[in-house]
Amino acid sequence: MTSDTENLVLEHLRRLRGSVDQLGEKTGELVDRMGRVELRLANVEVEVASLSVRIDKLSGRIDRVERRLDLVEPEKTQ
């Protein structure tokens, strides 16, 4: 190979390495961002579960109040 051809090949390899390095950096950034999204989603799921428990407790309390005040008809047994 001539010197010009070698220089051309080296230049292409340098550009390819630069592109690969940029892709690696962007991939790392995306992995970090995805991790933060997953953490936030997990926090939302915990909050939803907490609210579900609170709603269940409130539902039970309302049922008790309705029974004490005779606001609901007793369930029929068969």
C-alpha atoms as a PDB file:
ATOM      1  CA  MET A   1       0.000   0.000   0.000  1.00  0.00           C
ATOM      2  CA  THR A   2       1.098   3.488  -0.670  1.00  0.00           C
ATOM      3  CA  SER A   3       1.438   6.090   2.023  1.00  0.00           C
ATOM      4  CA  ASP A   4      -1.667   7.931   0.778  1.00  0.00           C
ATOM      5  CA  THR A   5      -3.758   4.769   0.926  1.00  0.00           C
ATOM      6  CA  GLU A   6      -2.485   3.939   4.407  1.00  0.00           C
ATOM      7  CA  ASN A   7      -3.281   7.462   5.587  1.00  0.00           C
ATOM      8  CA  LEU A   8      -6.760   7.225   4.076  1.00  0.00           C
ATOM      9  CA  VAL A   9      -7.422   3.884   5.797  1.00  0.00           C
ATOM     10  CA  LEU A  10      -6.133   5.252   9.111  1.00  0.00           C
ATOM     11  CA  GLU A  11      -8.340   8.324   8.763  1.00  0.00           C
ATOM     12  CA  HIS A  12     -11.409   6.141   8.171  1.00  0.00           C
ATOM     13  CA  LEU A  13     -10.518   3.975  11.151  1.00  0.00           C
ATOM     14  CA  ARG A  14     -10.138   7.073  13.366  1.00  0.00           C
ATOM     15  CA  ARG A  15     -13.542   8.342  12.263  1.00  0.00           C
ATOM     16  CA  LEU A  16     -15.087   4.941  12.896  1.00  0.00           C
ATOM     17  CA  ARG A  17     -13.521   4.829  16.360  1.00  0.00           C
ATOM     18  CA  GLY A  18     -14.860   8.306  17.077  1.00  0.00           C
ATOM     19  CA  SER A  19     -18.340   7.269  15.955  1.00  0.00           C
ATOM     20  CA  VAL A  20     -18.208   4.124  18.069  1.00  0.00           C
ATOM     21  CA  ASP A  21     -17.056   6.163  21.072  1.00  0.00           C
ATOM     22  CA  GLN A  22     -19.958   8.582  20.597  1.00  0.00           C
ATOM     23  CA  LEU A  23     -22.403   5.685  20.370  1.00  0.00           C
ATOM     24  CA  GLY A  24     -20.961   4.243  23.556  1.00  0.00           C
ATOM     25  CA  GLU A  25     -21.410   7.553  25.375  1.00  0.00           C
ATOM     26  CA  LYS A  26     -24.980   7.963  24.116  1.00  0.00           C
ATOM     27  CA  THR A  27     -25.786   4.373  25.086  1.00  0.00           C
ATOM     28  CA  GLY A  28     -24.434   5.037  28.578  1.00  0.00           C
ATOM     29  CA  GLU A  29     -26.594   8.156  28.853  1.00  0.00           C
ATOM     30  CA  LEU A  30     -29.657   6.223  27.712  1.00  0.00           C
ATOM     31  CA  VAL A  31     -28.988   3.475  30.237  1.00  0.00           C
ATOM     32  CA  ASP A  32     -28.752   6.090  33.010  1.00  0.00           C
ATOM     33  CA  ARG A  33     -31.969   7.773  31.900  1.00  0.00           C
ATOM     34  CA  MET A  34     -33.778   4.447  31.661  1.00  0.00           C
ATOM     35  CA  GLY A  35     -32.641   3.590  35.171  1.00  0.00           C
ATOM     36  CA  ARG A  36     -34.103   6.856  36.467  1.00  0.00           C
ATOM     37  CA  VAL A  37     -37.378   6.164  34.631  1.00  0.00           C
ATOM     38  CA  GLU A  38     -37.541   2.689  36.174  1.00  0.00           C
ATOM     39  CA  LEU A  39     -36.946   4.131  39.657  1.00  0.00           C
ATOM     40  CA  ARG A  40     -39.696   6.700  39.204  1.00  0.00           C
ATOM     41  CA  LEU A  41     -42.074   4.051  37.915  1.00  0.00           C
ATOM     42  CA  ALA A  42     -41.300   1.875  40.919  1.00  0.00           C
ATOM     43  CA  ASN A  43     -42.074   4.834  43.204  1.00  0.00           C
ATOM     44  CA  VAL A  44     -45.380   5.389  41.427  1.00  0.00           C
ATOM     45  CA  GLU A  45     -46.251   1.709  41.857  1.00  0.00           C
ATOM     46  CA  VAL A  46     -45.491   1.930  45.578  1.00  0.00           C
ATOM     47  CA  GLU A  47     -47.699   5.006  45.888  1.00  0.00           C
ATOM     48  CA  VAL A  48     -50.550   3.305  44.016  1.00  0.00           C
ATOM     49  CA  ALA A  49     -50.285   0.274  46.298  1.00  0.00           C
ATOM     50  CA  SER A  50     -50.325   2.548  49.344  1.00  0.00           C
ATOM     51  CA  LEU A  51     -53.414   4.348  48.076  1.00  0.00           C
ATOM     52  CA  SER A  52     -55.102   1.026  47.381  1.00  0.00           C
ATOM     53  CA  VAL A  53     -54.541  -0.065  50.972  1.00  0.00           C
ATOM     54  CA  ARG A  54     -55.906   3.232  52.269  1.00  0.00           C
ATOM     55  CA  ILE A  55     -58.991   2.962  50.043  1.00  0.00           C
ATOM     56  CA  ASP A  56     -59.602  -0.596  51.264  1.00  0.00           C
ATOM     57  CA  LYS A  57     -59.415   0.577  54.886  1.00  0.00           C
ATOM     58  CA  LEU A  58     -61.784   3.467  54.188  1.00  0.00           C
ATOM     59  CA  SER A  59     -64.204   1.138  52.428  1.00  0.00           C
ATOM     60  CA  GLY A  60     -64.260  -1.104  55.482  1.00  0.00           C
ATOM     61  CA  ARG A  61     -64.866   1.842  57.771  1.00  0.00           C
ATOM     62  CA  ILE A  62     -67.708   3.123  55.594  1.00  0.00           C
ATOM     63  CA  ASP A  63     -69.291  -0.333  55.581  1.00  0.00           C
ATOM     64  CA  ARG A  64     -69.131  -0.403  59.387  1.00  0.00           C
ATOM     65  CA  VAL A  65     -70.683   3.048  59.700  1.00  0.00           C
ATOM     66  CA  GLU A  66     -73.487   2.143  57.301  1.00  0.00           C
ATOM     67  CA  ARG A  67     -74.252  -1.025  59.275  1.00  0.00           C
ATOM     68  CA  ARG A  68     -74.277   0.813  62.617  1.00  0.00           C
ATOM     69  CA  LEU A  69     -76.620   3.460  61.254  1.00  0.00           C
ATOM     70  CA  ASP A  70     -78.802   0.859  59.582  1.00  0.00           C
ATOM     71  CA  LEU A  71     -78.267   2.484  56.190  1.00  0.00           C
ATOM     72  CA  VAL A  72     -77.909  -0.832  54.397  1.00  0.00           C
ATOM     73  CA  GLU A  73     -80.213  -3.800  54.320  1.00  0.00           C
ATOM     74  CA  PRO A  74     -78.799  -6.940  55.909  1.00  0.00           C
ATOM     75  CA  GLU A  75     -77.540  -9.552  53.507  1.00  0.00           C
ATOM     76  CA  LYS A  76     -79.909 -12.419  52.857  1.00  0.00           C
ATOM     77  CA  THR A  77     -78.684 -15.916  53.658  1.00  0.00           C
ATOM     78  CA  GLN A  78     -79.828 -18.893  51.662  1.00  0.00           C
END
